[in-house]
């Protein structure tokens, strides 16, 4: 795999992980007993620590990408293995 492909795949892992990490640990103003800003949505977070979220995203995506890269090099799970799990639909006669 070329380094450009490695960077592109890692970026995909990173963005997907960011969307999975964002909702964790977020509390609304109502949950914290704080006053809401006028016009603020009820579901809006009171405070979000983005540096912490970005750190967790980087760590988790690095682990997941490392597993992906190991699988790529060691062929633990191949396309043939996946086809056994999900068989193709029968081909109809035309």
Protein backbone atom coordinates (compact mmCIF):
# COMPACT_ATOMS: atom_id res chain seq x y z
CA UNK A 1 0.00 0.00 0.00
CA UNK A 2 1.42 3.39 -0.93
CA UNK A 3 1.89 6.13 1.67
CA UNK A 4 -0.85 8.23 0.03
CA UNK A 5 -3.30 5.34 0.41
CA UNK A 6 -2.19 4.86 4.01
CA UNK A 7 -2.84 8.54 4.77
CA UNK A 8 -6.23 8.47 3.03
CA UNK A 9 -7.39 5.35 4.87
CA UNK A 10 -6.15 6.72 8.21
CA UNK A 11 -8.05 9.95 7.57
CA UNK A 12 -11.22 7.92 6.97
CA UNK A 13 -10.67 6.05 10.24
CA UNK A 14 -10.00 9.34 12.04
CA UNK A 15 -13.13 11.11 10.77
CA UNK A 16 -15.37 8.11 11.50
CA UNK A 17 -13.91 7.84 15.00
CA UNK A 18 -14.43 11.57 15.59
CA UNK A 19 -18.14 11.22 14.89
CA UNK A 20 -18.29 8.25 17.26
CA UNK A 21 -16.38 10.07 20.05
CA UNK A 22 -18.18 13.45 19.88
CA UNK A 23 -21.32 12.57 21.88
CA UNK A 24 -19.51 10.96 24.84
CA UNK A 25 -19.25 12.98 28.02
CA UNK A 26 -21.34 15.88 26.74
CA UNK A 27 -23.87 17.34 29.16
CA UNK A 28 -26.53 19.95 28.49
CA UNK A 29 -27.00 23.07 30.59
CA UNK A 30 -30.14 21.56 32.10
CA UNK A 31 -28.24 18.43 33.22
CA UNK A 32 -25.64 20.62 34.92
CA UNK A 33 -28.23 22.91 36.52
CA UNK A 34 -26.91 25.96 34.65
CA UNK A 35 -28.96 28.68 32.97
CA UNK A 36 -29.43 28.39 29.24
CA UNK A 37 -28.40 31.12 26.84
CA UNK A 38 -31.49 32.72 25.25
CA UNK A 39 -32.19 31.03 21.91
CA UNK A 40 -30.06 28.00 22.78
CA UNK A 41 -31.46 24.58 21.85
CA UNK A 42 -32.35 22.32 24.77
CA UNK A 43 -29.97 19.66 23.44
CA UNK A 44 -27.00 22.01 23.01
CA UNK A 45 -23.94 21.01 25.04
CA UNK A 46 -22.93 23.29 27.91
CA UNK A 47 -19.20 22.87 27.31
CA UNK A 48 -17.26 20.65 24.92
CA UNK A 49 -13.57 19.97 25.44
CA UNK A 50 -12.45 19.62 21.81
CA UNK A 51 -8.73 19.10 22.53
CA UNK A 52 -9.64 16.13 24.69
CA UNK A 53 -12.02 14.78 22.03
CA UNK A 54 -9.34 15.16 19.36
CA UNK A 55 -6.81 13.32 21.53
CA UNK A 56 -9.20 10.41 22.12
CA UNK A 57 -10.08 10.37 18.41
CA UNK A 58 -6.42 10.19 17.45
CA UNK A 59 -5.65 7.41 19.92
CA UNK A 60 -8.66 5.25 19.04
CA UNK A 61 -8.27 5.72 15.29
CA UNK A 62 -4.54 4.87 15.53
CA UNK A 63 -5.37 1.56 17.23
CA UNK A 64 -8.12 0.72 14.74
CA UNK A 65 -5.94 1.70 11.79
CA UNK A 66 -3.07 -0.36 13.22
CA UNK A 67 -5.35 -3.41 13.30
CA UNK A 68 -6.46 -2.67 9.75
CA UNK A 69 -2.86 -2.38 8.54
CA UNK A 70 -1.87 -5.60 10.29
CA UNK A 71 -4.82 -7.36 8.65
CA UNK A 72 -3.78 -5.91 5.29
CA UNK A 73 -0.25 -7.31 5.64
CA UNK A 74 -1.07 -10.62 7.37
CA UNK A 75 -4.33 -11.47 5.53
CA UNK A 76 -6.22 -12.51 8.66
CA UNK A 77 -9.58 -11.70 7.06
CA UNK A 78 -9.80 -11.78 3.27
CA UNK A 79 -12.56 -11.02 0.77
CA UNK A 80 -13.12 -14.76 0.38
CA UNK A 81 -13.76 -15.04 4.12
CA UNK A 82 -16.33 -12.27 3.94
CA UNK A 83 -18.08 -13.90 0.98
CA UNK A 84 -18.57 -17.03 3.09
CA UNK A 85 -20.37 -14.93 5.71
CA UNK A 86 -22.60 -13.08 3.24
CA UNK A 87 -23.43 -15.26 0.24
CA UNK A 88 -24.25 -13.62 -3.04
CA UNK A 89 -27.89 -13.64 -4.17
CA UNK A 90 -28.72 -16.21 -6.86
CA UNK A 91 -28.40 -14.97 -10.43
CA UNK A 92 -31.71 -14.85 -12.29
CA UNK A 93 -32.13 -16.08 -15.84
CA UNK A 94 -32.44 -13.30 -18.40
